[in-house]
Amino acid sequence: MKREDYIPDELVIKRANEAVRIELEKKRALDIPVAVFDRKTQKIYQQKSDGTRIAVGERIKRGRYSERISEKA
């Protein structure tokens, strides 16, 4: 493939954002809950189509994977 055949990064980002938006609209229409991450509280929520949120988890603490595994053992 030649370099001219590639699509620009901006177009890839635009298409990805639209795909996510369409999928979220589809899940709302079918009344399927969606997983949402809140950056302020660092928690993961399950959001239903009516807007209610249920906390289902928290973000993993920072650090290397090997360090987290050694803490558990």
PDB file of N, CA and C in Angstrom:
ATOM      1  N   MET A   1       0.825  -1.182   0.000  1.00  0.00           N
ATOM      2  CA  MET A   1       0.000   0.000   0.000  1.00  0.00           C
ATOM      3  C   MET A   1       0.872   1.250   0.000  1.00  0.00           C
ATOM      4  N   LYS A   2       0.510   2.195  -0.802  1.00  0.00           N
ATOM      5  CA  LYS A   2       1.265   3.431  -0.874  1.00  0.00           C
ATOM      6  C   LYS A   2       0.832   4.371   0.254  1.00  0.00           C
ATOM      7  N   ARG A   3       1.691   5.301   0.555  1.00  0.00           N
ATOM      8  CA  ARG A   3       1.415   6.279   1.602  1.00  0.00           C
ATOM      9  C   ARG A   3       0.174   7.106   1.265  1.00  0.00           C
ATOM     10  N   GLU A   4      -0.088   7.346  -0.011  1.00  0.00           N
ATOM     11  CA  GLU A   4      -1.239   8.146  -0.433  1.00  0.00           C
ATOM     12  C   GLU A   4      -2.558   7.408  -0.195  1.00  0.00           C
ATOM     13  N   ASP A   5      -2.503   6.080  -0.067  1.00  0.00           N
ATOM     14  CA  ASP A   5      -3.719   5.291   0.110  1.00  0.00           C
ATOM     15  C   ASP A   5      -4.251   5.323   1.543  1.00  0.00           C
ATOM     16  N   TYR A   6      -3.428   5.721   2.492  1.00  0.00           N
ATOM     17  CA  TYR A   6      -3.851   5.781   3.883  1.00  0.00           C
ATOM     18  C   TYR A   6      -4.779   6.965   4.116  1.00  0.00           C
ATOM     19  N   ILE A   7      -5.690   6.812   5.082  1.00  0.00           N
ATOM     20  CA  ILE A   7      -6.535   7.957   5.447  1.00  0.00           C
ATOM     21  C   ILE A   7      -5.842   8.730   6.563  1.00  0.00           C
ATOM     22  N   PRO A   8      -6.058  10.033   6.655  1.00  0.00           N
ATOM     23  CA  PRO A   8      -5.379  10.827   7.679  1.00  0.00           C
ATOM     24  C   PRO A   8      -5.867  10.476   9.090  1.00  0.00           C
ATOM     25  N   ASP A   9      -5.025  10.769  10.078  1.00  0.00           N
ATOM     26  CA  ASP A   9      -5.340  10.472  11.481  1.00  0.00           C
ATOM     27  C   ASP A   9      -6.621  11.161  11.936  1.00  0.00           C
ATOM     28  N   GLU A  10      -6.840  12.379  11.483  1.00  0.00           N
ATOM     29  CA  GLU A  10      -8.034  13.118  11.891  1.00  0.00           C
ATOM     30  C   GLU A  10      -9.303  12.373  11.471  1.00  0.00           C
ATOM     31  N   LEU A  11      -9.281  11.788  10.290  1.00  0.00           N
ATOM     32  CA  LEU A  11     -10.433  11.048   9.789  1.00  0.00           C
ATOM     33  C   LEU A  11     -10.642   9.752  10.569  1.00  0.00           C
ATOM     34  N   VAL A  12      -9.556   9.108  10.957  1.00  0.00           N
ATOM     35  CA  VAL A  12      -9.657   7.889  11.767  1.00  0.00           C
ATOM     36  C   VAL A  12     -10.288   8.215  13.116  1.00  0.00           C
ATOM     37  N   ILE A  13      -9.849   9.298  13.742  1.00  0.00           N
ATOM     38  CA  ILE A  13     -10.389   9.713  15.039  1.00  0.00           C
ATOM     39  C   ILE A  13     -11.865  10.072  14.910  1.00  0.00           C
ATOM     40  N   LYS A  14     -12.217  10.793  13.856  1.00  0.00           N
ATOM     41  CA  LYS A  14     -13.613  11.177  13.637  1.00  0.00           C
ATOM     42  C   LYS A  14     -14.493   9.945  13.462  1.00  0.00           C
ATOM     43  N   ARG A  15     -14.030   8.967  12.695  1.00  0.00           N
ATOM     44  CA  ARG A  15     -14.799   7.740  12.482  1.00  0.00           C
ATOM     45  C   ARG A  15     -14.940   6.936  13.771  1.00  0.00           C
ATOM     46  N   ALA A  16     -13.885   6.866  14.568  1.00  0.00           N
ATOM     47  CA  ALA A  16     -13.947   6.131  15.836  1.00  0.00           C
ATOM     48  C   ALA A  16     -14.937   6.790  16.791  1.00  0.00           C
ATOM     49  N   ASN A  17     -14.897   8.112  16.878  1.00  0.00           N
ATOM     50  CA  ASN A  17     -15.837   8.825  17.752  1.00  0.00           C
ATOM     51  C   ASN A  17     -17.279   8.610  17.316  1.00  0.00           C
ATOM     52  N   GLU A  18     -17.525   8.630  16.031  1.00  0.00           N
ATOM     53  CA  GLU A  18     -18.878   8.406  15.518  1.00  0.00           C
ATOM     54  C   GLU A  18     -19.346   6.975  15.791  1.00  0.00           C
ATOM     55  N   ALA A  19     -18.436   6.010  15.667  1.00  0.00           N
ATOM     56  CA  ALA A  19     -18.793   4.616  15.947  1.00  0.00           C
ATOM     57  C   ALA A  19     -19.197   4.443  17.409  1.00  0.00           C
ATOM     58  N   VAL A  20     -18.477   5.093  18.319  1.00  0.00           N
ATOM     59  CA  VAL A  20     -18.812   5.023  19.746  1.00  0.00           C
ATOM     60  C   VAL A  20     -20.145   5.702  19.997  1.00  0.00           C
ATOM     61  N   ARG A  21     -20.365   6.870  19.392  1.00  0.00           N
ATOM     62  CA  ARG A  21     -21.627   7.594  19.590  1.00  0.00           C
ATOM     63  C   ARG A  21     -22.812   6.753  19.108  1.00  0.00           C
ATOM     64  N   ILE A  22     -22.679   6.123  17.947  1.00  0.00           N
ATOM     65  CA  ILE A  22     -23.756   5.295  17.399  1.00  0.00           C
ATOM     66  C   ILE A  22     -24.024   4.097  18.306  1.00  0.00           C
ATOM     67  N   GLU A  23     -22.963   3.469  18.815  1.00  0.00           N
ATOM     68  CA  GLU A  23     -23.130   2.306  19.693  1.00  0.00           C
ATOM     69  C   GLU A  23     -23.824   2.700  21.001  1.00  0.00           C
ATOM     70  N   LEU A  24     -23.483   3.862  21.553  1.00  0.00           N
ATOM     71  CA  LEU A  24     -24.145   4.323  22.774  1.00  0.00           C
ATOM     72  C   LEU A  24     -25.622   4.619  22.524  1.00  0.00           C
ATOM     73  N   GLU A  25     -25.940   5.223  21.392  1.00  0.00           N
ATOM     74  CA  GLU A  25     -27.343   5.478  21.054  1.00  0.00           C
ATOM     75  C   GLU A  25     -28.112   4.176  20.901  1.00  0.00           C
ATOM     76  N   LYS A  26     -27.484   3.186  20.286  1.00  0.00           N
ATOM     77  CA  LYS A  26     -28.134   1.895  20.094  1.00  0.00           C
ATOM     78  C   LYS A  26     -28.414   1.227  21.441  1.00  0.00           C
ATOM     79  N   LYS A  27     -27.458   1.295  22.357  1.00  0.00           N
ATOM     80  CA  LYS A  27     -27.644   0.682  23.676  1.00  0.00           C
ATOM     81  C   LYS A  27     -28.737   1.410  24.460  1.00  0.00           C
ATOM     82  N   ARG A  28     -28.811   2.738  24.326  1.00  0.00           N
ATOM     83  CA  ARG A  28     -29.886   3.481  24.998  1.00  0.00           C
ATOM     84  C   ARG A  28     -31.251   3.070  24.449  1.00  0.00           C
ATOM     85  N   ALA A  29     -31.335   2.921  23.137  1.00  0.00           N
ATOM     86  CA  ALA A  29     -32.601   2.550  22.498  1.00  0.00           C
ATOM     87  C   ALA A  29     -33.036   1.147  22.897  1.00  0.00           C
ATOM     88  N   LEU A  30     -32.082   0.242  23.083  1.00  0.00           N
ATOM     89  CA  LEU A  30     -32.409  -1.131  23.456  1.00  0.00           C
ATOM     90  C   LEU A  30     -32.481  -1.327  24.969  1.00  0.00           C
ATOM     91  N   ASP A  31     -32.284  -0.254  25.741  1.00  0.00           N
ATOM     92  CA  ASP A  31     -32.343  -0.280  27.204  1.00  0.00           C
ATOM     93  C   ASP A  31     -31.298  -1.235  27.788  1.00  0.00           C
ATOM     94  N   ILE A  32     -30.077  -1.166  27.248  1.00  0.00           N
ATOM     95  CA  ILE A  32     -28.953  -1.970  27.726  1.00  0.00           C
ATOM     96  C   ILE A  32     -28.034  -1.045  28.528  1.00  0.00           C
ATOM     97  N   PRO A  33     -27.640  -1.428  29.755  1.00  0.00           N
ATOM     98  CA  PRO A  33     -26.742  -0.571  30.535  1.00  0.00           C
ATOM     99  C   PRO A  33     -25.361  -0.455  29.898  1.00  0.00           C
ATOM    100  N   VAL A  34     -24.710   0.684  30.172  1.00  0.00           N
ATOM    101  CA  VAL A  34     -23.407   0.999  29.592  1.00  0.00           C
ATOM    102  C   VAL A  34     -22.418   1.205  30.734  1.00  0.00           C
ATOM    103  N   ALA A  35     -21.173   0.752  30.567  1.00  0.00           N
ATOM    104  CA  ALA A  35     -20.120   0.997  31.551  1.00  0.00           C
ATOM    105  C   ALA A  35     -19.511   2.370  31.292  1.00  0.00           C
ATOM    106  N   VAL A  36     -19.429   3.195  32.360  1.00  0.00           N
ATOM    107  CA  VAL A  36     -18.922   4.560  32.244  1.00  0.00           C
ATOM    108  C   VAL A  36     -17.859   4.771  33.318  1.00  0.00           C
ATOM    109  N   PHE A  37     -16.745   5.417  32.952  1.00  0.00           N
ATOM    110  CA  PHE A  37     -15.688   5.736  33.905  1.00  0.00           C
ATOM    111  C   PHE A  37     -15.747   7.212  34.243  1.00  0.00           C
ATOM    112  N   ASP A  38     -15.824   7.527  35.544  1.00  0.00           N
ATOM    113  CA  ASP A  38     -15.846   8.912  35.995  1.00  0.00           C
ATOM    114  C   ASP A  38     -14.428   9.308  36.391  1.00  0.00           C
ATOM    115  N   ARG A  39     -13.842  10.253  35.682  1.00  0.00           N
ATOM    116  CA  ARG A  39     -12.455  10.638  35.931  1.00  0.00           C
ATOM    117  C   ARG A  39     -12.266  11.334  37.273  1.00  0.00           C
ATOM    118  N   LYS A  40     -13.269  12.053  37.726  1.00  0.00           N
ATOM    119  CA  LYS A  40     -13.130  12.777  38.997  1.00  0.00           C
ATOM    120  C   LYS A  40     -13.091  11.828  40.186  1.00  0.00           C
ATOM    121  N   THR A  41     -14.021  10.887  40.233  1.00  0.00           N
ATOM    122  CA  THR A  41     -14.097   9.962  41.368  1.00  0.00           C
ATOM    123  C   THR A  41     -13.266   8.708  41.161  1.00  0.00           C
ATOM    124  N   GLN A  42     -12.763   8.486  39.945  1.00  0.00           N
ATOM    125  CA  GLN A  42     -11.963   7.319  39.593  1.00  0.00           C
ATOM    126  C   GLN A  42     -12.731   6.015  39.822  1.00  0.00           C
ATOM    127  N   LYS A  43     -14.043   6.037  39.566  1.00  0.00           N
ATOM    128  CA  LYS A  43     -14.880   4.860  39.738  1.00  0.00           C
ATOM    129  C   LYS A  43     -15.542   4.477  38.420  1.00  0.00           C
ATOM    130  N   ILE A  44     -15.903   3.205  38.316  1.00  0.00           N
ATOM    131  CA  ILE A  44     -16.588   2.683  37.142  1.00  0.00           C
ATOM    132  C   ILE A  44     -18.049   2.506  37.505  1.00  0.00           C
ATOM    133  N   TYR A  45     -18.932   3.031  36.658  1.00  0.00           N
ATOM    134  CA  TYR A  45     -20.366   2.971  36.908  1.00  0.00           C
ATOM    135  C   TYR A  45     -21.071   2.201  35.797  1.00  0.00           C
ATOM    136  N   GLN A  46     -22.207   1.630  36.148  1.00  0.00           N
ATOM    137  CA  GLN A  46     -23.095   1.043  35.162  1.00  0.00           C
ATOM    138  C   GLN A  46     -24.245   2.033  35.010  1.00  0.00           C
ATOM    139  N   GLN A  47     -24.366   2.639  33.836  1.00  0.00           N
ATOM    140  CA  GLN A  47     -25.366   3.669  33.601  1.00  0.00           C
ATOM    141  C   GLN A  47     -26.492   3.097  32.752  1.00  0.00           C
ATOM    142  N   LYS A  48     -27.724   3.230  33.256  1.00  0.00           N
ATOM    143  CA  LYS A  48     -28.886   2.732  32.533  1.00  0.00           C
ATOM    144  C   LYS A  48     -29.434   3.822  31.626  1.00  0.00           C
ATOM    145  N   SER A  49     -30.345   3.455  30.746  1.00  0.00           N
ATOM    146  CA  SER A  49     -30.865   4.405  29.760  1.00  0.00           C
ATOM    147  C   SER A  49     -31.653   5.539  30.407  1.00  0.00           C
ATOM    148  N   ASP A  50     -32.178   5.331  31.628  1.00  0.00           N
ATOM    149  CA  ASP A  50     -32.914   6.406  32.302  1.00  0.00           C
ATOM    150  C   ASP A  50     -31.994   7.368  33.051  1.00  0.00           C
ATOM    151  N   GLY A  51     -30.674   7.098  33.039  1.00  0.00           N
ATOM    152  CA  GLY A  51     -29.705   8.005  33.646  1.00  0.00           C
ATOM    153  C   GLY A  51     -29.222   7.584  35.014  1.00  0.00           C
ATOM    154  N   THR A  52     -29.788   6.539  35.601  1.00  0.00           N
ATOM    155  CA  THR A  52     -29.339   6.096  36.922  1.00  0.00           C
ATOM    156  C   THR A  52     -27.975   5.423  36.812  1.00  0.00           C
ATOM    157  N   ARG A  53     -27.153   5.639  37.853  1.00  0.00           N
ATOM    158  CA  ARG A  53     -25.802   5.084  37.878  1.00  0.00           C
ATOM    159  C   ARG A  53     -25.633   4.176  39.086  1.00  0.00           C
ATOM    160  N   ILE A  54     -24.973   3.052  38.876  1.00  0.00           N
ATOM    161  CA  ILE A  54     -24.660   2.119  39.947  1.00  0.00           C
ATOM    162  C   ILE A  54     -23.146   1.898  39.909  1.00  0.00           C
ATOM    163  N   ALA A  55     -22.473   2.137  41.047  1.00  0.00           N
ATOM    164  CA  ALA A  55     -21.027   1.930  41.111  1.00  0.00           C
ATOM    165  C   ALA A  55     -20.729   0.433  41.065  1.00  0.00           C
ATOM    166  N   VAL A  56     -19.840   0.020  40.158  1.00  0.00           N
ATOM    167  CA  VAL A  56     -19.514  -1.397  40.025  1.00  0.00           C
ATOM    168  C   VAL A  56     -18.041  -1.690  40.284  1.00  0.00           C
ATOM    169  N   GLY A  57     -17.198  -0.681  40.369  1.00  0.00           N
ATOM    170  CA  GLY A  57     -15.785  -0.939  40.605  1.00  0.00           C
ATOM    171  C   GLY A  57     -14.998   0.346  40.714  1.00  0.00           C
ATOM    172  N   GLU A  58     -13.714   0.187  41.039  1.00  0.00           N
ATOM    173  CA  GLU A  58     -12.806   1.319  41.142  1.00  0.00           C
ATOM    174  C   GLU A  58     -11.604   1.089  40.243  1.00  0.00           C
ATOM    175  N   ARG A  59     -10.917   2.139  39.997  1.00  0.00           N
ATOM    176  CA  ARG A  59      -9.722   2.076  39.161  1.00  0.00           C
ATOM    177  C   ARG A  59      -8.615   1.360  39.913  1.00  0.00           C
ATOM    178  N   ILE A  60      -7.810   0.595  39.181  1.00  0.00           N
ATOM    179  CA  ILE A  60      -6.666  -0.087  39.773  1.00  0.00           C
ATOM    180  C   ILE A  60      -5.638   0.964  40.167  1.00  0.00           C
ATOM    181  N   LYS A  61      -5.023   0.768  41.290  1.00  0.00           N
ATOM    182  CA  LYS A  61      -3.985   1.700  41.736  1.00  0.00           C
ATOM    183  C   LYS A  61      -2.827   1.697  40.759  1.00  0.00           C
ATOM    184  N   ARG A  62      -2.131   2.805  40.685  1.00  0.00           N
ATOM    185  CA  ARG A  62      -0.996   2.911  39.773  1.00  0.00           C
ATOM    186  C   ARG A  62       0.158   2.046  40.265  1.00  0.00           C
ATOM    187  N   GLY A  63       1.022   1.694  39.350  1.00  0.00           N
ATOM    188  CA  GLY A  63       2.186   0.884  39.674  1.00  0.00           C
ATOM    189  C   GLY A  63       2.372  -0.194  38.636  1.00  0.00           C
ATOM    190  N   ARG A  64       3.501  -0.796  38.649  1.00  0.00           N
ATOM    191  CA  ARG A  64       3.779  -1.849  37.691  1.00  0.00           C
ATOM    192  C   ARG A  64       3.011  -3.107  38.033  1.00  0.00           C
ATOM    193  N   TYR A  65       2.717  -3.875  37.009  1.00  0.00           N
ATOM    194  CA  TYR A  65       1.955  -5.109  37.188  1.00  0.00           C
ATOM    195  C   TYR A  65       2.687  -6.055  38.136  1.00  0.00           C
ATOM    196  N   SER A  66       3.993  -6.189  37.972  1.00  0.00           N
ATOM    197  CA  SER A  66       4.758  -7.100  38.822  1.00  0.00           C
ATOM    198  C   SER A  66       4.727  -6.657  40.279  1.00  0.00           C
ATOM    199  N   GLU A  67       4.682  -5.355  40.531  1.00  0.00           N
ATOM    200  CA  GLU A  67       4.617  -4.856  41.908  1.00  0.00           C
ATOM    201  C   GLU A  67       3.257  -5.132  42.529  1.00  0.00           C
ATOM    202  N   ARG A  68       2.189  -5.025  41.725  1.00  0.00           N
ATOM    203  CA  ARG A  68       0.862  -5.300  42.261  1.00  0.00           C
ATOM    204  C   ARG A  68       0.703  -6.773  42.578  1.00  0.00           C
ATOM    205  N   ILE A  69       1.267  -7.647  41.765  1.00  0.00           N
ATOM    206  CA  ILE A  69       1.169  -9.086  41.982  1.00  0.00           C
ATOM    207  C   ILE A  69       1.947  -9.480  43.235  1.00  0.00           C
ATOM    208  N   SER A  70       3.132  -8.914  43.456  1.00  0.00           N
ATOM    209  CA  SER A  70       3.934  -9.281  44.620  1.00  0.00           C
ATOM    210  C   SER A  70       3.266  -8.825  45.921  1.00  0.00           C
ATOM    211  N   GLU A  71       2.474  -7.743  45.895  1.00  0.00           N
ATOM    212  CA  GLU A  71       1.759  -7.287  47.081  1.00  0.00           C
ATOM    213  C   GLU A  71       0.686  -8.279  47.510  1.00  0.00           C
ATOM    214  N   LYS A  72       0.033  -8.934  46.540  1.00  0.00           N
ATOM    215  CA  LYS A  72      -1.021  -9.881  46.843  1.00  0.00           C
ATOM    216  C   LYS A  72      -0.461 -11.170  47.437  1.00  0.00           C
ATOM    217  N   ALA A  73       0.718 -11.566  46.979  1.00  0.00           N
ATOM    218  CA  ALA A  73       1.296 -12.857  47.398  1.00  0.00           C
ATOM    219  C   ALA A  73       1.840 -12.839  48.797  1.00  0.00           C
TER     220      ALA A  73
END
